[in-house]
Amino acid sequence: MQYILDGFDALPTNPTEEEKSNVQLRTRVREMLEAKGYVQSQDRLTPGTFKSHVAYEDLYGTTAYSAFVICHPTVGITRIEPHQQQVSGSVDRKFPFFLLSAQKAPEPNVLLLIEGKGHKKAAFDWLCREARECQSKQIMCKDLAEFELWL
């Protein structure tokens, strides 16, 4: 659910710490995918491939861009939504938006990758609980270590 206008990893002229942090997380996720043997695809996704900066319609009906859509060898097509907050801030207030937008995403599986210690534990627990209760698709909540094991 990253809103980047010009180029996937391009930062704005005066990036915030949050924007820098999220670009670093996306870079780390790409490195993990490639280390596990995933390759970037411009065409159809097949097991072990991924696409980056993938458009979809978010909760508000506007075009948003997910960092990655992968074809996991056992789970299948999965949208990856990485978000990082290292210090206390407003990321946990965005959790309902992340969840409702994930429900609207076209893929059958969505992984909300929440990294850092800047969110409230109760908020993350709520997000995971609500994701598990989703009936229309599989929505998973993981941190970076859990994501690496899942890959």
N, C-alpha and C. Protein backbone atom coordinates (compact mmCIF):
# COMPACT_ATOMS: atom_id res chain seq x y z
N MET A 1 0.83 -1.17 0.00
CA MET A 1 0.00 0.00 0.00
C MET A 1 0.88 1.24 0.00
N GLN A 2 1.95 1.14 -0.66
CA GLN A 2 2.87 2.26 -0.78
C GLN A 2 2.41 3.15 -1.92
N TYR A 3 2.40 4.44 -1.72
CA TYR A 3 1.99 5.39 -2.75
C TYR A 3 3.25 6.08 -3.27
N ILE A 4 3.83 5.52 -4.31
CA ILE A 4 5.03 6.08 -4.91
C ILE A 4 4.72 6.41 -6.35
N LEU A 5 5.00 7.64 -6.74
CA LEU A 5 4.63 8.08 -8.07
C LEU A 5 5.68 7.78 -9.12
N ASP A 6 6.93 8.05 -8.85
CA ASP A 6 7.97 7.92 -9.85
C ASP A 6 8.99 6.88 -9.43
N GLY A 7 8.85 5.67 -9.89
CA GLY A 7 9.86 4.65 -9.60
C GLY A 7 9.66 3.97 -8.28
N PHE A 8 9.83 2.68 -8.28
CA PHE A 8 9.54 1.85 -7.11
C PHE A 8 10.34 2.26 -5.89
N ASP A 9 11.64 2.45 -6.02
CA ASP A 9 12.46 2.74 -4.86
C ASP A 9 12.82 4.21 -4.73
N ALA A 10 12.18 5.06 -5.53
CA ALA A 10 12.50 6.48 -5.49
C ALA A 10 11.92 7.11 -4.23
N LEU A 11 12.74 7.87 -3.56
CA LEU A 11 12.28 8.61 -2.39
C LEU A 11 11.91 10.03 -2.80
N PRO A 12 10.97 10.63 -2.10
CA PRO A 12 10.66 12.03 -2.36
C PRO A 12 11.89 12.91 -2.10
N THR A 13 11.83 14.15 -2.53
CA THR A 13 12.95 15.08 -2.36
C THR A 13 13.37 15.20 -0.90
N ASN A 14 12.42 15.33 -0.01
CA ASN A 14 12.69 15.42 1.43
C ASN A 14 11.99 14.27 2.15
N PRO A 15 12.56 13.05 2.06
CA PRO A 15 11.86 11.89 2.62
C PRO A 15 11.79 11.94 4.14
N THR A 16 10.69 11.43 4.66
CA THR A 16 10.56 11.29 6.10
C THR A 16 11.33 10.05 6.55
N GLU A 17 11.54 9.94 7.83
CA GLU A 17 12.19 8.74 8.36
C GLU A 17 11.36 7.50 8.05
N GLU A 18 10.04 7.64 8.10
CA GLU A 18 9.15 6.51 7.78
C GLU A 18 9.35 6.06 6.34
N GLU A 19 9.43 7.00 5.41
CA GLU A 19 9.63 6.64 4.00
C GLU A 19 10.97 5.95 3.80
N LYS A 20 12.02 6.48 4.42
CA LYS A 20 13.34 5.85 4.33
C LYS A 20 13.30 4.43 4.89
N SER A 21 12.65 4.29 6.03
CA SER A 21 12.55 3.01 6.71
C SER A 21 11.82 1.99 5.86
N ASN A 22 10.73 2.41 5.22
CA ASN A 22 9.96 1.48 4.39
C ASN A 22 10.72 1.07 3.14
N VAL A 23 11.48 1.98 2.55
CA VAL A 23 12.31 1.61 1.40
C VAL A 23 13.36 0.59 1.83
N GLN A 24 13.96 0.78 3.00
CA GLN A 24 14.94 -0.18 3.51
C GLN A 24 14.30 -1.55 3.71
N LEU A 25 13.08 -1.56 4.24
CA LEU A 25 12.38 -2.84 4.45
C LEU A 25 12.09 -3.51 3.12
N ARG A 26 11.59 -2.77 2.13
CA ARG A 26 11.32 -3.35 0.81
C ARG A 26 12.60 -3.92 0.19
N THR A 27 13.71 -3.22 0.37
CA THR A 27 14.99 -3.71 -0.14
C THR A 27 15.36 -5.02 0.55
N ARG A 28 15.17 -5.07 1.85
CA ARG A 28 15.47 -6.31 2.61
C ARG A 28 14.58 -7.46 2.15
N VAL A 29 13.30 -7.20 1.92
CA VAL A 29 12.38 -8.24 1.46
C VAL A 29 12.83 -8.75 0.08
N ARG A 30 13.18 -7.84 -0.82
CA ARG A 30 13.65 -8.25 -2.15
C ARG A 30 14.90 -9.14 -2.02
N GLU A 31 15.83 -8.75 -1.15
CA GLU A 31 17.03 -9.56 -0.94
C GLU A 31 16.69 -10.94 -0.41
N MET A 32 15.71 -11.02 0.49
CA MET A 32 15.29 -12.31 1.04
C MET A 32 14.66 -13.17 -0.05
N LEU A 33 13.81 -12.57 -0.88
CA LEU A 33 13.20 -13.31 -1.98
C LEU A 33 14.27 -13.89 -2.90
N GLU A 34 15.21 -13.04 -3.29
CA GLU A 34 16.26 -13.49 -4.21
C GLU A 34 17.16 -14.54 -3.56
N ALA A 35 17.43 -14.41 -2.27
CA ALA A 35 18.24 -15.41 -1.56
C ALA A 35 17.56 -16.77 -1.52
N LYS A 36 16.22 -16.75 -1.52
CA LYS A 36 15.45 -18.00 -1.51
C LYS A 36 15.23 -18.55 -2.93
N GLY A 37 15.80 -17.87 -3.93
CA GLY A 37 15.71 -18.36 -5.30
C GLY A 37 14.58 -17.77 -6.12
N TYR A 38 13.83 -16.83 -5.57
CA TYR A 38 12.77 -16.18 -6.34
C TYR A 38 13.41 -15.29 -7.41
N VAL A 39 12.78 -15.21 -8.56
CA VAL A 39 13.24 -14.32 -9.63
C VAL A 39 12.10 -13.40 -10.04
N GLN A 40 12.46 -12.19 -10.42
CA GLN A 40 11.45 -11.22 -10.83
C GLN A 40 10.90 -11.59 -12.19
N SER A 41 9.60 -11.43 -12.35
CA SER A 41 8.91 -11.76 -13.60
C SER A 41 8.16 -10.54 -14.10
N GLN A 42 8.14 -10.36 -15.40
CA GLN A 42 7.34 -9.30 -16.01
C GLN A 42 6.04 -9.86 -16.56
N ASP A 43 5.96 -11.18 -16.68
CA ASP A 43 4.79 -11.83 -17.25
C ASP A 43 3.99 -12.51 -16.15
N ARG A 44 3.41 -13.64 -16.50
CA ARG A 44 2.63 -14.41 -15.54
C ARG A 44 3.50 -14.88 -14.39
N LEU A 45 2.91 -14.94 -13.22
CA LEU A 45 3.64 -15.47 -12.07
C LEU A 45 3.55 -16.99 -12.07
N THR A 46 4.68 -17.63 -11.90
CA THR A 46 4.77 -19.07 -11.73
C THR A 46 5.50 -19.32 -10.42
N PRO A 47 5.42 -20.53 -9.85
CA PRO A 47 6.08 -20.76 -8.56
C PRO A 47 7.54 -20.29 -8.56
N GLY A 48 7.88 -19.54 -7.52
CA GLY A 48 9.24 -19.04 -7.37
C GLY A 48 9.52 -17.73 -8.09
N THR A 49 8.46 -17.03 -8.52
CA THR A 49 8.64 -15.73 -9.18
C THR A 49 7.92 -14.65 -8.39
N PHE A 50 8.28 -13.38 -8.67
CA PHE A 50 7.63 -12.26 -8.03
C PHE A 50 7.57 -11.07 -8.97
N LYS A 51 6.65 -10.17 -8.68
CA LYS A 51 6.56 -8.87 -9.34
C LYS A 51 6.66 -7.81 -8.24
N SER A 52 7.14 -6.62 -8.62
CA SER A 52 7.21 -5.54 -7.65
C SER A 52 6.39 -4.35 -8.12
N HIS A 53 6.01 -3.52 -7.14
CA HIS A 53 5.24 -2.30 -7.41
C HIS A 53 3.97 -2.63 -8.20
N VAL A 54 3.12 -3.45 -7.59
CA VAL A 54 1.93 -3.98 -8.25
C VAL A 54 0.70 -3.18 -7.84
N ALA A 55 0.01 -2.63 -8.82
CA ALA A 55 -1.15 -1.78 -8.57
C ALA A 55 -2.37 -2.61 -8.16
N TYR A 56 -3.21 -2.00 -7.36
CA TYR A 56 -4.52 -2.55 -7.01
C TYR A 56 -5.38 -1.41 -6.49
N GLU A 57 -6.66 -1.66 -6.31
CA GLU A 57 -7.57 -0.64 -5.79
C GLU A 57 -7.69 -0.81 -4.29
N ASP A 58 -7.39 0.26 -3.54
CA ASP A 58 -7.42 0.17 -2.09
C ASP A 58 -8.83 0.41 -1.54
N LEU A 59 -8.91 0.49 -0.24
CA LEU A 59 -10.17 0.68 0.47
C LEU A 59 -10.96 1.89 -0.03
N TYR A 60 -10.26 2.96 -0.41
CA TYR A 60 -10.91 4.18 -0.84
C TYR A 60 -11.22 4.22 -2.34
N GLY A 61 -10.88 3.14 -3.05
CA GLY A 61 -11.13 3.10 -4.48
C GLY A 61 -10.06 3.80 -5.30
N THR A 62 -8.94 4.13 -4.68
CA THR A 62 -7.84 4.76 -5.40
C THR A 62 -6.78 3.72 -5.72
N THR A 63 -5.92 4.04 -6.66
CA THR A 63 -4.86 3.11 -7.02
C THR A 63 -3.74 3.18 -5.99
N ALA A 64 -3.42 2.03 -5.46
CA ALA A 64 -2.32 1.88 -4.51
C ALA A 64 -1.35 0.87 -5.11
N TYR A 65 -0.16 0.81 -4.54
CA TYR A 65 0.86 -0.10 -5.05
C TYR A 65 1.42 -0.94 -3.91
N SER A 66 1.34 -2.25 -4.08
CA SER A 66 1.97 -3.16 -3.13
C SER A 66 3.42 -3.33 -3.52
N ALA A 67 4.24 -3.59 -2.53
CA ALA A 67 5.66 -3.78 -2.79
C ALA A 67 5.89 -5.00 -3.67
N PHE A 68 5.23 -6.12 -3.35
CA PHE A 68 5.47 -7.37 -4.07
C PHE A 68 4.21 -8.21 -4.18
N VAL A 69 4.13 -8.96 -5.26
CA VAL A 69 3.21 -10.09 -5.39
C VAL A 69 4.09 -11.26 -5.79
N ILE A 70 4.01 -12.34 -5.03
CA ILE A 70 4.85 -13.50 -5.29
C ILE A 70 3.99 -14.71 -5.59
N CYS A 71 4.61 -15.72 -6.18
CA CYS A 71 3.96 -17.02 -6.33
C CYS A 71 4.72 -17.99 -5.43
N HIS A 72 4.20 -18.17 -4.23
CA HIS A 72 4.79 -19.06 -3.24
C HIS A 72 4.60 -20.50 -3.73
N PRO A 73 5.60 -21.36 -3.57
CA PRO A 73 5.48 -22.72 -4.11
C PRO A 73 4.35 -23.56 -3.53
N THR A 74 3.94 -23.28 -2.30
CA THR A 74 2.84 -24.07 -1.72
C THR A 74 1.57 -23.25 -1.50
N VAL A 75 1.70 -21.98 -1.19
CA VAL A 75 0.53 -21.13 -0.88
C VAL A 75 -0.08 -20.55 -2.16
N GLY A 76 0.77 -20.27 -3.14
CA GLY A 76 0.29 -19.67 -4.40
C GLY A 76 0.48 -18.16 -4.42
N ILE A 77 -0.34 -17.51 -5.22
CA ILE A 77 -0.22 -16.07 -5.42
C ILE A 77 -0.50 -15.34 -4.11
N THR A 78 0.46 -14.51 -3.69
CA THR A 78 0.36 -13.81 -2.41
C THR A 78 0.86 -12.38 -2.55
N ARG A 79 0.05 -11.43 -2.14
CA ARG A 79 0.44 -10.02 -2.11
C ARG A 79 1.19 -9.76 -0.81
N ILE A 80 2.36 -9.11 -0.90
CA ILE A 80 3.17 -8.81 0.28
C ILE A 80 3.09 -7.31 0.54
N GLU A 81 2.64 -6.95 1.74
CA GLU A 81 2.49 -5.55 2.16
C GLU A 81 3.43 -5.28 3.33
N PRO A 82 4.67 -4.81 3.07
CA PRO A 82 5.59 -4.53 4.17
C PRO A 82 5.42 -3.12 4.74
N HIS A 83 5.40 -3.04 6.05
CA HIS A 83 5.30 -1.75 6.75
C HIS A 83 6.24 -1.80 7.95
N GLN A 84 6.99 -0.74 8.14
CA GLN A 84 7.97 -0.71 9.23
C GLN A 84 7.78 0.55 10.07
N GLN A 85 7.88 0.36 11.37
CA GLN A 85 7.83 1.48 12.30
C GLN A 85 8.74 1.13 13.45
N GLN A 86 9.89 1.77 13.50
CA GLN A 86 10.89 1.43 14.52
C GLN A 86 10.64 2.14 15.85
N VAL A 87 10.02 3.31 15.81
CA VAL A 87 9.75 4.04 17.05
C VAL A 87 8.25 4.25 17.16
N SER A 88 7.81 4.50 18.36
CA SER A 88 6.39 4.70 18.60
C SER A 88 5.84 5.77 17.66
N GLY A 89 4.70 5.45 17.06
CA GLY A 89 4.11 6.38 16.10
C GLY A 89 2.70 5.97 15.77
N SER A 90 2.29 6.28 14.56
CA SER A 90 0.89 6.08 14.18
C SER A 90 0.64 4.84 13.34
N VAL A 91 1.65 3.97 13.17
CA VAL A 91 1.45 2.83 12.28
C VAL A 91 0.29 1.96 12.73
N ASP A 92 0.13 1.77 14.05
CA ASP A 92 -0.95 0.90 14.50
C ASP A 92 -2.33 1.50 14.21
N ARG A 93 -2.42 2.81 14.06
CA ARG A 93 -3.69 3.43 13.69
C ARG A 93 -4.03 3.14 12.24
N LYS A 94 -3.04 2.73 11.46
CA LYS A 94 -3.25 2.39 10.05
C LYS A 94 -3.65 0.93 9.86
N PHE A 95 -3.56 0.12 10.90
CA PHE A 95 -3.85 -1.30 10.78
C PHE A 95 -5.24 -1.59 10.19
N PRO A 96 -6.31 -0.90 10.62
CA PRO A 96 -7.61 -1.17 10.00
C PRO A 96 -7.60 -0.90 8.49
N PHE A 97 -6.92 0.18 8.06
CA PHE A 97 -6.81 0.46 6.63
C PHE A 97 -6.06 -0.65 5.92
N PHE A 98 -4.95 -1.12 6.50
CA PHE A 98 -4.19 -2.21 5.89
C PHE A 98 -5.08 -3.44 5.73
N LEU A 99 -5.82 -3.77 6.78
CA LEU A 99 -6.66 -4.97 6.77
C LEU A 99 -7.78 -4.86 5.73
N LEU A 100 -8.50 -3.75 5.74
CA LEU A 100 -9.62 -3.60 4.80
C LEU A 100 -9.13 -3.50 3.35
N SER A 101 -8.00 -2.89 3.12
CA SER A 101 -7.43 -2.84 1.77
C SER A 101 -6.97 -4.24 1.34
N ALA A 102 -6.42 -5.01 2.26
CA ALA A 102 -6.02 -6.39 1.96
C ALA A 102 -7.22 -7.22 1.52
N GLN A 103 -8.35 -6.99 2.17
CA GLN A 103 -9.56 -7.73 1.81
C GLN A 103 -10.02 -7.39 0.40
N LYS A 104 -9.73 -6.19 -0.07
CA LYS A 104 -10.12 -5.77 -1.43
C LYS A 104 -9.12 -6.19 -2.50
N ALA A 105 -7.90 -6.53 -2.10
CA ALA A 105 -6.86 -6.91 -3.07
C ALA A 105 -7.33 -8.14 -3.87
N PRO A 106 -6.95 -8.23 -5.14
CA PRO A 106 -7.44 -9.32 -5.98
C PRO A 106 -6.83 -10.69 -5.69
N GLU A 107 -5.69 -10.74 -5.02
CA GLU A 107 -5.03 -12.02 -4.78
C GLU A 107 -5.75 -12.81 -3.68
N PRO A 108 -5.68 -14.14 -3.74
CA PRO A 108 -6.34 -14.97 -2.72
C PRO A 108 -5.62 -14.96 -1.38
N ASN A 109 -4.35 -14.53 -1.36
CA ASN A 109 -3.55 -14.49 -0.15
C ASN A 109 -2.88 -13.13 -0.03
N VAL A 110 -2.87 -12.60 1.18
CA VAL A 110 -2.19 -11.33 1.45
C VAL A 110 -1.39 -11.51 2.73
N LEU A 111 -0.13 -11.07 2.68
CA LEU A 111 0.71 -11.13 3.86
C LEU A 111 1.04 -9.71 4.28
N LEU A 112 0.59 -9.34 5.48
CA LEU A 112 0.90 -8.03 6.06
C LEU A 112 2.17 -8.20 6.88
N LEU A 113 3.25 -7.65 6.38
CA LEU A 113 4.55 -7.77 7.03
C LEU A 113 4.77 -6.51 7.86
N ILE A 114 4.67 -6.65 9.17
CA ILE A 114 4.78 -5.52 10.10
C ILE A 114 6.08 -5.68 10.86
N GLU A 115 7.00 -4.76 10.62
CA GLU A 115 8.34 -4.86 11.21
C GLU A 115 8.61 -3.66 12.11
N GLY A 116 9.42 -3.87 13.12
CA GLY A 116 9.78 -2.80 14.04
C GLY A 116 8.99 -2.91 15.34
N LYS A 117 9.37 -2.09 16.27
CA LYS A 117 8.74 -2.11 17.60
C LYS A 117 7.93 -0.85 17.87
N GLY A 118 7.58 -0.12 16.82
CA GLY A 118 6.88 1.14 16.99
C GLY A 118 5.37 1.03 17.12
N HIS A 119 4.83 -0.18 17.00
CA HIS A 119 3.39 -0.35 17.14
C HIS A 119 3.07 -0.93 18.52
N LYS A 120 1.84 -0.74 18.92
CA LYS A 120 1.39 -1.30 20.19
C LYS A 120 1.14 -2.80 20.01
N LYS A 121 1.56 -3.58 20.99
CA LYS A 121 1.35 -5.03 20.92
C LYS A 121 -0.13 -5.36 20.80
N ALA A 122 -0.97 -4.67 21.54
CA ALA A 122 -2.41 -4.93 21.48
C ALA A 122 -2.95 -4.66 20.08
N ALA A 123 -2.43 -3.64 19.42
CA ALA A 123 -2.88 -3.33 18.05
C ALA A 123 -2.47 -4.43 17.09
N PHE A 124 -1.23 -4.92 17.22
CA PHE A 124 -0.76 -6.00 16.34
C PHE A 124 -1.56 -7.27 16.61
N ASP A 125 -1.83 -7.57 17.88
CA ASP A 125 -2.65 -8.74 18.22
C ASP A 125 -4.03 -8.61 17.60
N TRP A 126 -4.62 -7.41 17.64
CA TRP A 126 -5.93 -7.18 17.02
C TRP A 126 -5.85 -7.45 15.52
N LEU A 127 -4.83 -6.92 14.86
CA LEU A 127 -4.67 -7.10 13.42
C LEU A 127 -4.58 -8.58 13.07
N CYS A 128 -3.78 -9.32 13.80
CA CYS A 128 -3.62 -10.75 13.54
C CYS A 128 -4.93 -11.51 13.75
N ARG A 129 -5.64 -11.17 14.81
CA ARG A 129 -6.92 -11.83 15.12
C ARG A 129 -7.94 -11.55 14.02
N GLU A 130 -8.06 -10.28 13.62
CA GLU A 130 -9.01 -9.92 12.57
C GLU A 130 -8.63 -10.56 11.23
N ALA A 131 -7.34 -10.64 10.95
CA ALA A 131 -6.89 -11.26 9.70
C ALA A 131 -7.27 -12.74 9.67
N ARG A 132 -7.09 -13.44 10.79
CA ARG A 132 -7.44 -14.86 10.86
C ARG A 132 -8.93 -15.08 10.64
N GLU A 133 -9.75 -14.11 11.03
CA GLU A 133 -11.20 -14.25 10.92
C GLU A 133 -11.74 -13.92 9.53
N CYS A 134 -10.90 -13.43 8.65
CA CYS A 134 -11.33 -13.08 7.30
C CYS A 134 -11.79 -14.34 6.56
N GLN A 135 -13.00 -14.29 6.01
CA GLN A 135 -13.58 -15.44 5.32
C GLN A 135 -13.33 -15.43 3.81
N SER A 136 -13.06 -14.26 3.25
CA SER A 136 -12.98 -14.15 1.79
C SER A 136 -11.62 -14.54 1.22
N LYS A 137 -10.58 -14.54 2.05
CA LYS A 137 -9.23 -14.89 1.60
C LYS A 137 -8.35 -15.14 2.80
N GLN A 138 -7.14 -15.63 2.54
CA GLN A 138 -6.19 -15.84 3.63
C GLN A 138 -5.36 -14.57 3.79
N ILE A 139 -5.45 -13.96 4.97
CA ILE A 139 -4.64 -12.80 5.31
C ILE A 139 -3.74 -13.20 6.48
N MET A 140 -2.45 -13.07 6.26
CA MET A 140 -1.46 -13.45 7.27
C MET A 140 -0.77 -12.20 7.79
N CYS A 141 -0.39 -12.22 9.06
CA CYS A 141 0.39 -11.14 9.68
C CYS A 141 1.69 -11.75 10.18
N LYS A 142 2.80 -11.17 9.76
CA LYS A 142 4.10 -11.70 10.17
C LYS A 142 5.09 -10.57 10.37
N ASP A 143 6.12 -10.85 11.17
CA ASP A 143 7.26 -9.94 11.23
C ASP A 143 8.31 -10.48 10.27
N LEU A 144 9.44 -9.83 10.17
CA LEU A 144 10.44 -10.19 9.17
C LEU A 144 11.00 -11.59 9.39
N ALA A 145 11.26 -11.97 10.63
CA ALA A 145 11.79 -13.31 10.93
C ALA A 145 10.78 -14.39 10.54
N GLU A 146 9.50 -14.17 10.87
CA GLU A 146 8.46 -15.14 10.50
C GLU A 146 8.30 -15.22 8.99
N PHE A 147 8.40 -14.07 8.32
CA PHE A 147 8.31 -14.02 6.87
C PHE A 147 9.41 -14.86 6.23
N GLU A 148 10.64 -14.72 6.73
CA GLU A 148 11.76 -15.47 6.16
C GLU A 148 11.53 -16.97 6.30
N LEU A 149 11.01 -17.42 7.44
CA LEU A 149 10.72 -18.84 7.64
C LEU A 149 9.59 -19.28 6.71
N TRP A 150 8.60 -18.44 6.51
CA TRP A 150 7.45 -18.76 5.65
C TRP A 150 7.88 -18.93 4.20
N LEU A 151 8.85 -18.11 3.77
CA LEU A 151 9.31 -18.20 2.38
C LEU A 151 9.82 -19.60 2.08
